[in-house]
Amino acid sequence: MTAKSAPTPRNTPAEPTDKLLHQFVGYNMKRAYMQIQDDMSETLAPLGLRIGTFSALAVVMGSPGISQTQLSQMLNIKRSGVVVVVDELERASVLERAPVEGDRRAYSLVVTPAGKRLWQKAEKAVQAHEAALFSGLNAQEVLTLQDLLGRAARSAGRQRRENSS
């Protein structure tokens, strides 16, 4: 029987680094999003909203009468996840489900007057949140960033669709 030898000690860096990951756009986007998401969650919490409920409220505000299926597609979440979000907003008297004429299984979603008031508060809070987070960018740079992120999302979506077909 041979005895196991002890592992050879290795030099460890004085300070761990993720510098090799910084070459990847996706990694940099993830790091930025994690910062934004944490701050956004703190911004929305006093209003009784989460990022998911805020997003759903925004889509229904902009698309009154949207179906739950359309909402799930728009937010890119499973239909069962949308049901949970809509249930939460309905319990808070922010959204209402209305039957769709001719389809007993479908519901259209509408924002209540209380939901409209909540949206106005949330929209202002998130605008302030973004103004603070992106204060190091000028207005044109913010527009450029929005444009680039939109184009990147469309490009990635197209690539995923092509790869899955």
N, C-alpha and C. Protein backbone atom coordinates (compact mmCIF):
# COMPACT_ATOMS: atom_id res chain seq x y z
N MET A 1 0.83 -1.17 0.00
CA MET A 1 0.00 0.00 0.00
C MET A 1 0.88 1.24 0.00
N THR A 2 0.57 2.18 -0.87
CA THR A 2 1.37 3.40 -0.92
C THR A 2 0.61 4.54 -0.24
N ALA A 3 1.31 5.35 0.43
CA ALA A 3 0.70 6.49 1.11
C ALA A 3 0.49 7.62 0.10
N LYS A 4 -0.62 8.32 0.25
CA LYS A 4 -0.89 9.48 -0.61
C LYS A 4 0.10 10.57 -0.28
N SER A 5 0.62 11.17 -1.32
CA SER A 5 1.51 12.30 -1.06
C SER A 5 0.68 13.57 -0.91
N ALA A 6 1.18 14.46 -0.14
CA ALA A 6 0.49 15.73 0.08
C ALA A 6 0.51 16.54 -1.20
N PRO A 7 -0.55 17.28 -1.48
CA PRO A 7 -0.55 18.10 -2.69
C PRO A 7 0.57 19.13 -2.64
N THR A 8 1.10 19.40 -3.80
CA THR A 8 2.17 20.39 -3.90
C THR A 8 1.57 21.77 -3.68
N PRO A 9 2.15 22.54 -2.76
CA PRO A 9 1.62 23.90 -2.54
C PRO A 9 1.77 24.74 -3.81
N ARG A 10 0.78 25.54 -4.06
CA ARG A 10 0.81 26.43 -5.24
C ARG A 10 0.79 27.87 -4.77
N ASN A 11 1.36 28.69 -5.59
CA ASN A 11 1.30 30.12 -5.30
C ASN A 11 -0.12 30.60 -5.57
N THR A 12 -0.68 31.36 -4.68
CA THR A 12 -2.00 31.94 -4.91
C THR A 12 -1.81 33.42 -5.17
N PRO A 13 -2.64 33.95 -6.05
CA PRO A 13 -2.49 35.39 -6.35
C PRO A 13 -2.80 36.21 -5.10
N ALA A 14 -2.14 37.33 -4.98
CA ALA A 14 -2.37 38.21 -3.85
C ALA A 14 -3.82 38.67 -3.83
N GLU A 15 -4.38 38.89 -4.98
CA GLU A 15 -5.76 39.38 -5.12
C GLU A 15 -6.43 38.58 -6.23
N PRO A 16 -7.52 37.86 -5.93
CA PRO A 16 -8.20 37.12 -7.01
C PRO A 16 -8.69 38.09 -8.08
N THR A 17 -8.73 37.62 -9.31
CA THR A 17 -9.13 38.50 -10.41
C THR A 17 -10.08 37.79 -11.39
N ASP A 18 -10.94 38.56 -11.98
CA ASP A 18 -11.82 38.05 -13.03
C ASP A 18 -11.47 38.69 -14.37
N LYS A 19 -10.21 39.15 -14.49
CA LYS A 19 -9.81 39.91 -15.68
C LYS A 19 -9.98 39.13 -16.97
N LEU A 20 -9.84 37.82 -16.95
CA LEU A 20 -10.02 37.04 -18.18
C LEU A 20 -11.47 37.06 -18.65
N LEU A 21 -12.40 37.24 -17.71
CA LEU A 21 -13.81 37.29 -18.08
C LEU A 21 -14.21 38.63 -18.69
N HIS A 22 -13.46 39.67 -18.41
CA HIS A 22 -13.82 41.01 -18.90
C HIS A 22 -13.74 41.14 -20.42
N GLN A 23 -13.15 40.17 -21.09
CA GLN A 23 -13.12 40.20 -22.56
C GLN A 23 -14.47 39.84 -23.17
N PHE A 24 -15.38 39.28 -22.35
CA PHE A 24 -16.66 38.82 -22.85
C PHE A 24 -17.76 39.84 -22.57
N VAL A 25 -18.45 40.24 -23.63
CA VAL A 25 -19.53 41.21 -23.51
C VAL A 25 -20.59 40.70 -22.53
N GLY A 26 -20.97 39.43 -22.66
CA GLY A 26 -22.00 38.87 -21.79
C GLY A 26 -21.65 38.97 -20.32
N TYR A 27 -20.40 38.76 -19.99
CA TYR A 27 -19.98 38.86 -18.59
C TYR A 27 -20.12 40.30 -18.09
N ASN A 28 -19.70 41.24 -18.91
CA ASN A 28 -19.81 42.65 -18.51
C ASN A 28 -21.26 43.08 -18.39
N MET A 29 -22.12 42.57 -19.28
CA MET A 29 -23.55 42.87 -19.18
C MET A 29 -24.12 42.28 -17.90
N LYS A 30 -23.73 41.06 -17.58
CA LYS A 30 -24.23 40.42 -16.36
C LYS A 30 -23.80 41.20 -15.13
N ARG A 31 -22.55 41.61 -15.08
CA ARG A 31 -22.06 42.37 -13.92
C ARG A 31 -22.83 43.68 -13.76
N ALA A 32 -23.05 44.37 -14.86
CA ALA A 32 -23.80 45.62 -14.81
C ALA A 32 -25.24 45.35 -14.37
N TYR A 33 -25.86 44.32 -14.94
CA TYR A 33 -27.24 44.01 -14.60
C TYR A 33 -27.39 43.64 -13.13
N MET A 34 -26.44 42.92 -12.59
CA MET A 34 -26.54 42.54 -11.17
C MET A 34 -26.56 43.79 -10.28
N GLN A 35 -25.75 44.77 -10.62
CA GLN A 35 -25.74 46.03 -9.86
C GLN A 35 -27.08 46.75 -10.01
N ILE A 36 -27.55 46.84 -11.24
CA ILE A 36 -28.80 47.54 -11.53
C ILE A 36 -29.98 46.83 -10.87
N GLN A 37 -30.00 45.51 -10.96
CA GLN A 37 -31.09 44.71 -10.40
C GLN A 37 -31.19 44.89 -8.88
N ASP A 38 -30.06 44.85 -8.20
CA ASP A 38 -30.08 45.03 -6.74
C ASP A 38 -30.65 46.39 -6.36
N ASP A 39 -30.18 47.43 -7.05
CA ASP A 39 -30.65 48.78 -6.75
C ASP A 39 -32.13 48.94 -7.13
N MET A 40 -32.51 48.35 -8.24
CA MET A 40 -33.91 48.44 -8.70
C MET A 40 -34.84 47.75 -7.69
N SER A 41 -34.43 46.61 -7.19
CA SER A 41 -35.24 45.90 -6.19
C SER A 41 -35.46 46.77 -4.95
N GLU A 42 -34.40 47.45 -4.52
CA GLU A 42 -34.52 48.35 -3.37
C GLU A 42 -35.43 49.54 -3.67
N THR A 43 -35.39 50.02 -4.90
CA THR A 43 -36.22 51.14 -5.33
C THR A 43 -37.70 50.77 -5.34
N LEU A 44 -38.00 49.56 -5.81
CA LEU A 44 -39.40 49.13 -5.97
C LEU A 44 -40.03 48.60 -4.68
N ALA A 45 -39.23 48.07 -3.78
CA ALA A 45 -39.76 47.43 -2.57
C ALA A 45 -40.71 48.32 -1.78
N PRO A 46 -40.39 49.60 -1.53
CA PRO A 46 -41.32 50.44 -0.77
C PRO A 46 -42.69 50.62 -1.44
N LEU A 47 -42.74 50.36 -2.75
CA LEU A 47 -44.00 50.49 -3.49
C LEU A 47 -44.75 49.16 -3.54
N GLY A 48 -44.18 48.13 -2.93
CA GLY A 48 -44.82 46.82 -2.93
C GLY A 48 -44.65 46.09 -4.25
N LEU A 49 -43.65 46.48 -5.02
CA LEU A 49 -43.42 45.86 -6.32
C LEU A 49 -42.07 45.14 -6.34
N ARG A 50 -41.99 44.17 -7.22
CA ARG A 50 -40.74 43.50 -7.55
C ARG A 50 -40.46 43.82 -9.01
N ILE A 51 -39.30 43.46 -9.50
CA ILE A 51 -38.97 43.74 -10.90
C ILE A 51 -39.98 43.07 -11.82
N GLY A 52 -40.37 41.84 -11.52
CA GLY A 52 -41.34 41.12 -12.35
C GLY A 52 -42.72 41.76 -12.35
N THR A 53 -43.18 42.20 -11.19
CA THR A 53 -44.50 42.83 -11.13
C THR A 53 -44.46 44.22 -11.75
N PHE A 54 -43.36 44.94 -11.56
CA PHE A 54 -43.19 46.24 -12.21
C PHE A 54 -43.22 46.08 -13.72
N SER A 55 -42.51 45.09 -14.23
CA SER A 55 -42.46 44.85 -15.68
C SER A 55 -43.84 44.51 -16.23
N ALA A 56 -44.56 43.65 -15.53
CA ALA A 56 -45.91 43.28 -15.97
C ALA A 56 -46.83 44.50 -15.96
N LEU A 57 -46.75 45.29 -14.91
CA LEU A 57 -47.58 46.49 -14.82
C LEU A 57 -47.26 47.44 -15.97
N ALA A 58 -45.98 47.60 -16.30
CA ALA A 58 -45.58 48.47 -17.40
C ALA A 58 -46.15 48.00 -18.73
N VAL A 59 -46.08 46.69 -18.98
CA VAL A 59 -46.57 46.16 -20.25
C VAL A 59 -48.09 46.34 -20.35
N VAL A 60 -48.80 46.06 -19.26
CA VAL A 60 -50.26 46.19 -19.30
C VAL A 60 -50.65 47.66 -19.40
N MET A 61 -49.90 48.55 -18.76
CA MET A 61 -50.16 49.99 -18.92
C MET A 61 -50.04 50.39 -20.39
N GLY A 62 -49.04 49.88 -21.06
CA GLY A 62 -48.79 50.23 -22.45
C GLY A 62 -49.63 49.44 -23.44
N SER A 63 -50.23 48.35 -22.98
CA SER A 63 -51.01 47.46 -23.87
C SER A 63 -52.29 47.02 -23.18
N PRO A 64 -53.19 47.95 -22.89
CA PRO A 64 -54.42 47.58 -22.18
C PRO A 64 -55.18 46.49 -22.94
N GLY A 65 -55.66 45.50 -22.22
CA GLY A 65 -56.40 44.41 -22.83
C GLY A 65 -55.53 43.25 -23.28
N ILE A 66 -54.23 43.33 -23.05
CA ILE A 66 -53.32 42.25 -23.42
C ILE A 66 -53.73 40.97 -22.71
N SER A 67 -53.53 39.84 -23.35
CA SER A 67 -53.86 38.56 -22.72
C SER A 67 -52.67 38.09 -21.87
N GLN A 68 -52.95 37.16 -20.97
CA GLN A 68 -51.87 36.61 -20.15
C GLN A 68 -50.85 35.90 -21.03
N THR A 69 -51.30 35.23 -22.08
CA THR A 69 -50.38 34.55 -22.99
C THR A 69 -49.48 35.57 -23.68
N GLN A 70 -50.05 36.67 -24.15
CA GLN A 70 -49.25 37.71 -24.79
C GLN A 70 -48.27 38.32 -23.80
N LEU A 71 -48.72 38.51 -22.57
CA LEU A 71 -47.84 39.06 -21.53
C LEU A 71 -46.68 38.12 -21.27
N SER A 72 -46.94 36.82 -21.21
CA SER A 72 -45.85 35.87 -20.97
C SER A 72 -44.85 35.90 -22.12
N GLN A 73 -45.34 36.04 -23.34
CA GLN A 73 -44.44 36.12 -24.50
C GLN A 73 -43.63 37.41 -24.46
N MET A 74 -44.30 38.51 -24.13
CA MET A 74 -43.63 39.81 -24.10
C MET A 74 -42.52 39.83 -23.05
N LEU A 75 -42.80 39.26 -21.89
CA LEU A 75 -41.81 39.27 -20.80
C LEU A 75 -40.87 38.07 -20.85
N ASN A 76 -41.12 37.16 -21.80
CA ASN A 76 -40.29 35.97 -21.96
C ASN A 76 -40.23 35.13 -20.68
N ILE A 77 -41.41 34.93 -20.09
CA ILE A 77 -41.51 34.04 -18.93
C ILE A 77 -42.63 33.04 -19.19
N LYS A 78 -42.53 31.91 -18.52
CA LYS A 78 -43.54 30.86 -18.71
C LYS A 78 -44.91 31.37 -18.31
N ARG A 79 -45.92 30.81 -18.96
CA ARG A 79 -47.29 31.23 -18.68
C ARG A 79 -47.64 31.03 -17.20
N SER A 80 -47.15 29.94 -16.61
CA SER A 80 -47.43 29.71 -15.18
C SER A 80 -46.81 30.81 -14.32
N GLY A 81 -45.67 31.34 -14.73
CA GLY A 81 -45.05 32.44 -14.01
C GLY A 81 -45.85 33.72 -14.13
N VAL A 82 -46.44 33.93 -15.30
CA VAL A 82 -47.28 35.12 -15.50
C VAL A 82 -48.52 35.04 -14.63
N VAL A 83 -49.08 33.84 -14.49
CA VAL A 83 -50.27 33.68 -13.65
C VAL A 83 -49.95 34.12 -12.22
N VAL A 84 -48.79 33.73 -11.72
CA VAL A 84 -48.39 34.11 -10.36
C VAL A 84 -48.26 35.63 -10.25
N VAL A 85 -47.63 36.25 -11.23
CA VAL A 85 -47.43 37.71 -11.22
C VAL A 85 -48.78 38.43 -11.31
N VAL A 86 -49.64 37.98 -12.21
CA VAL A 86 -50.96 38.61 -12.37
C VAL A 86 -51.79 38.41 -11.10
N ASP A 87 -51.73 37.22 -10.51
CA ASP A 87 -52.44 37.00 -9.25
C ASP A 87 -51.98 37.99 -8.19
N GLU A 88 -50.68 38.20 -8.10
CA GLU A 88 -50.13 39.13 -7.11
C GLU A 88 -50.62 40.56 -7.36
N LEU A 89 -50.61 40.98 -8.60
CA LEU A 89 -51.06 42.33 -8.93
C LEU A 89 -52.58 42.47 -8.77
N GLU A 90 -53.29 41.41 -9.02
CA GLU A 90 -54.75 41.44 -8.84
C GLU A 90 -55.09 41.53 -7.35
N ARG A 91 -54.38 40.77 -6.52
CA ARG A 91 -54.61 40.84 -5.06
C ARG A 91 -54.33 42.25 -4.52
N ALA A 92 -53.38 42.93 -5.15
CA ALA A 92 -53.04 44.30 -4.73
C ALA A 92 -53.98 45.33 -5.35
N SER A 93 -54.99 44.87 -6.07
CA SER A 93 -55.97 45.74 -6.75
C SER A 93 -55.33 46.67 -7.77
N VAL A 94 -54.28 46.18 -8.41
CA VAL A 94 -53.54 46.96 -9.40
C VAL A 94 -53.97 46.58 -10.82
N LEU A 95 -54.29 45.30 -11.01
CA LEU A 95 -54.76 44.79 -12.30
C LEU A 95 -56.07 44.08 -12.11
N GLU A 96 -56.82 44.01 -13.19
CA GLU A 96 -58.04 43.19 -13.21
C GLU A 96 -58.00 42.31 -14.44
N ARG A 97 -58.53 41.11 -14.26
CA ARG A 97 -58.72 40.21 -15.40
C ARG A 97 -60.15 40.41 -15.90
N ALA A 98 -60.27 40.53 -17.20
CA ALA A 98 -61.60 40.65 -17.80
C ALA A 98 -61.76 39.52 -18.81
N PRO A 99 -62.92 38.86 -18.82
CA PRO A 99 -63.11 37.77 -19.79
C PRO A 99 -62.99 38.29 -21.22
N VAL A 100 -62.45 37.44 -22.10
CA VAL A 100 -62.34 37.77 -23.52
C VAL A 100 -63.56 37.20 -24.22
N GLU A 101 -64.24 38.07 -24.94
CA GLU A 101 -65.44 37.64 -25.65
C GLU A 101 -65.09 36.54 -26.65
N GLY A 102 -65.83 35.44 -26.60
CA GLY A 102 -65.62 34.35 -27.53
C GLY A 102 -64.58 33.33 -27.10
N ASP A 103 -63.89 33.55 -25.97
CA ASP A 103 -62.89 32.59 -25.48
C ASP A 103 -63.00 32.53 -23.96
N ARG A 104 -63.71 31.52 -23.48
CA ARG A 104 -63.95 31.41 -22.04
C ARG A 104 -62.68 31.14 -21.24
N ARG A 105 -61.62 30.69 -21.90
CA ARG A 105 -60.39 30.37 -21.19
C ARG A 105 -59.45 31.57 -21.08
N ALA A 106 -59.66 32.58 -21.89
CA ALA A 106 -58.72 33.71 -21.96
C ALA A 106 -59.23 34.90 -21.16
N TYR A 107 -58.28 35.67 -20.66
CA TYR A 107 -58.58 36.91 -19.94
C TYR A 107 -57.74 38.03 -20.52
N SER A 108 -58.34 39.19 -20.61
CA SER A 108 -57.56 40.38 -20.95
C SER A 108 -57.22 41.07 -19.64
N LEU A 109 -56.14 41.79 -19.65
CA LEU A 109 -55.66 42.44 -18.43
C LEU A 109 -55.80 43.95 -18.57
N VAL A 110 -56.31 44.57 -17.53
CA VAL A 110 -56.44 46.03 -17.51
C VAL A 110 -55.94 46.56 -16.17
N VAL A 111 -55.37 47.74 -16.22
CA VAL A 111 -54.86 48.39 -15.01
C VAL A 111 -56.01 49.14 -14.35
N THR A 112 -56.13 49.00 -13.05
CA THR A 112 -57.16 49.70 -12.28
C THR A 112 -56.72 51.14 -12.04
N PRO A 113 -57.62 52.00 -11.58
CA PRO A 113 -57.21 53.37 -11.21
C PRO A 113 -56.09 53.36 -10.15
N ALA A 114 -56.17 52.45 -9.18
CA ALA A 114 -55.10 52.35 -8.18
C ALA A 114 -53.79 51.93 -8.83
N GLY A 115 -53.90 51.06 -9.83
CA GLY A 115 -52.72 50.61 -10.57
C GLY A 115 -52.08 51.75 -11.35
N LYS A 116 -52.91 52.63 -11.90
CA LYS A 116 -52.39 53.78 -12.64
C LYS A 116 -51.64 54.72 -11.70
N ARG A 117 -52.17 54.91 -10.52
CA ARG A 117 -51.48 55.77 -9.53
C ARG A 117 -50.17 55.13 -9.10
N LEU A 118 -50.20 53.81 -8.88
CA LEU A 118 -48.97 53.10 -8.51
C LEU A 118 -47.95 53.19 -9.64
N TRP A 119 -48.40 53.02 -10.87
CA TRP A 119 -47.48 53.11 -12.00
C TRP A 119 -46.79 54.46 -12.05
N GLN A 120 -47.55 55.54 -11.84
CA GLN A 120 -46.95 56.88 -11.88
C GLN A 120 -45.84 57.02 -10.83
N LYS A 121 -46.10 56.50 -9.62
CA LYS A 121 -45.07 56.55 -8.57
C LYS A 121 -43.87 55.70 -8.94
N ALA A 122 -44.14 54.48 -9.43
CA ALA A 122 -43.06 53.56 -9.77
C ALA A 122 -42.22 54.09 -10.93
N GLU A 123 -42.90 54.64 -11.93
CA GLU A 123 -42.18 55.18 -13.08
C GLU A 123 -41.23 56.29 -12.65
N LYS A 124 -41.69 57.19 -11.80
CA LYS A 124 -40.83 58.28 -11.30
C LYS A 124 -39.67 57.73 -10.49
N ALA A 125 -39.95 56.74 -9.65
CA ALA A 125 -38.90 56.15 -8.82
C ALA A 125 -37.83 55.47 -9.68
N VAL A 126 -38.25 54.75 -10.70
CA VAL A 126 -37.30 54.06 -11.56
C VAL A 126 -36.54 55.05 -12.44
N GLN A 127 -37.20 56.11 -12.87
CA GLN A 127 -36.48 57.15 -13.62
C GLN A 127 -35.38 57.76 -12.75
N ALA A 128 -35.69 58.03 -11.50
CA ALA A 128 -34.70 58.59 -10.58
C ALA A 128 -33.58 57.58 -10.32
N HIS A 129 -33.96 56.32 -10.18
CA HIS A 129 -32.99 55.24 -9.97
C HIS A 129 -32.01 55.18 -11.14
N GLU A 130 -32.53 55.24 -12.37
CA GLU A 130 -31.66 55.18 -13.53
C GLU A 130 -30.83 56.45 -13.69
N ALA A 131 -31.40 57.59 -13.38
CA ALA A 131 -30.64 58.84 -13.47
C ALA A 131 -29.43 58.79 -12.55
N ALA A 132 -29.62 58.24 -11.35
CA ALA A 132 -28.52 58.13 -10.40
C ALA A 132 -27.49 57.10 -10.87
N LEU A 133 -27.97 55.94 -11.31
CA LEU A 133 -27.05 54.88 -11.72
C LEU A 133 -26.23 55.25 -12.95
N PHE A 134 -26.82 55.99 -13.86
CA PHE A 134 -26.14 56.31 -15.10
C PHE A 134 -25.69 57.77 -15.14
N SER A 135 -25.49 58.36 -13.98
CA SER A 135 -25.10 59.77 -13.92
C SER A 135 -23.72 60.01 -14.54
N GLY A 136 -22.94 58.98 -14.70
CA GLY A 136 -21.63 59.12 -15.35
C GLY A 136 -21.72 59.17 -16.87
N LEU A 137 -22.92 59.01 -17.40
CA LEU A 137 -23.12 59.06 -18.85
C LEU A 137 -23.95 60.30 -19.20
N ASN A 138 -23.66 60.89 -20.35
CA ASN A 138 -24.50 62.01 -20.78
C ASN A 138 -25.74 61.45 -21.49
N ALA A 139 -26.68 62.32 -21.83
CA ALA A 139 -27.95 61.89 -22.41
C ALA A 139 -27.74 61.10 -23.70
N GLN A 140 -26.82 61.55 -24.54
CA GLN A 140 -26.57 60.84 -25.81
C GLN A 140 -25.98 59.46 -25.55
N GLU A 141 -25.11 59.35 -24.57
CA GLU A 141 -24.52 58.04 -24.24
C GLU A 141 -25.58 57.07 -23.71
N VAL A 142 -26.53 57.58 -22.93
CA VAL A 142 -27.62 56.73 -22.44
C VAL A 142 -28.45 56.23 -23.62
N LEU A 143 -28.77 57.11 -24.56
CA LEU A 143 -29.51 56.70 -25.76
C LEU A 143 -28.73 55.68 -26.58
N THR A 144 -27.44 55.90 -26.71
CA THR A 144 -26.59 54.96 -27.44
C THR A 144 -26.56 53.60 -26.73
N LEU A 145 -26.45 53.62 -25.41
CA LEU A 145 -26.46 52.38 -24.64
C LEU A 145 -27.78 51.63 -24.84
N GLN A 146 -28.89 52.35 -24.77
CA GLN A 146 -30.20 51.71 -24.99
C GLN A 146 -30.27 51.11 -26.39
N ASP A 147 -29.80 51.83 -27.37
CA ASP A 147 -29.81 51.34 -28.75
C ASP A 147 -28.94 50.09 -28.88
N LEU A 148 -27.74 50.14 -28.35
CA LEU A 148 -26.83 48.99 -28.46
C LEU A 148 -27.39 47.77 -27.74
N LEU A 149 -27.96 47.96 -26.57
CA LEU A 149 -28.54 46.83 -25.84
C LEU A 149 -29.72 46.23 -26.59
N GLY A 150 -30.56 47.08 -27.17
CA GLY A 150 -31.68 46.59 -27.97
C GLY A 150 -31.21 45.81 -29.17
N ARG A 151 -30.20 46.33 -29.86
CA ARG A 151 -29.66 45.63 -31.03
C ARG A 151 -29.01 44.32 -30.61
N ALA A 152 -28.29 44.32 -29.50
CA ALA A 152 -27.65 43.10 -29.02
C ALA A 152 -28.70 42.04 -28.68
N ALA A 153 -29.78 42.45 -28.04
CA ALA A 153 -30.85 41.50 -27.68
C ALA A 153 -31.50 40.92 -28.93
N ARG A 154 -31.77 41.77 -29.91
CA ARG A 154 -32.37 41.28 -31.16
C ARG A 154 -31.43 40.32 -31.89
N SER A 155 -30.15 40.66 -31.93
CA SER A 155 -29.16 39.81 -32.59
C SER A 155 -29.05 38.46 -31.88
N ALA A 156 -28.98 38.49 -30.56
CA ALA A 156 -28.90 37.24 -29.80
C ALA A 156 -30.15 36.41 -29.99
N GLY A 157 -31.32 37.04 -30.00
CA GLY A 157 -32.58 36.33 -30.21
C GLY A 157 -32.62 35.68 -31.57
N ARG A 158 -32.18 36.41 -32.59
CA ARG A 158 -32.14 35.86 -33.95
C ARG A 158 -31.21 34.65 -34.01
N GLN A 159 -30.05 34.79 -33.39
CA GLN A 159 -29.07 33.70 -33.39
C GLN A 159 -29.62 32.46 -32.69
N ARG A 160 -30.30 32.65 -31.58
CA ARG A 160 -30.88 31.51 -30.85
C ARG A 160 -31.96 30.83 -31.68
N ARG A 161 -32.80 31.63 -32.36
CA ARG A 161 -33.85 31.04 -33.21
C ARG A 161 -33.24 30.25 -34.36
N GLU A 162 -32.18 30.79 -34.97
CA GLU A 162 -31.51 30.10 -36.08
C GLU A 162 -30.88 28.79 -35.61
N ASN A 163 -30.29 28.82 -34.44
CA ASN A 163 -29.64 27.61 -33.90
C ASN A 163 -30.65 26.55 -33.49
N SER A 164 -31.86 26.97 -33.13
CA SER A 164 -32.85 25.99 -32.66
C SER A 164 -33.67 25.42 -33.81
N SER A 165 -33.53 25.99 -35.01
CA SER A 165 -34.32 25.46 -36.13
C SER A 165 -33.53 24.52 -37.00
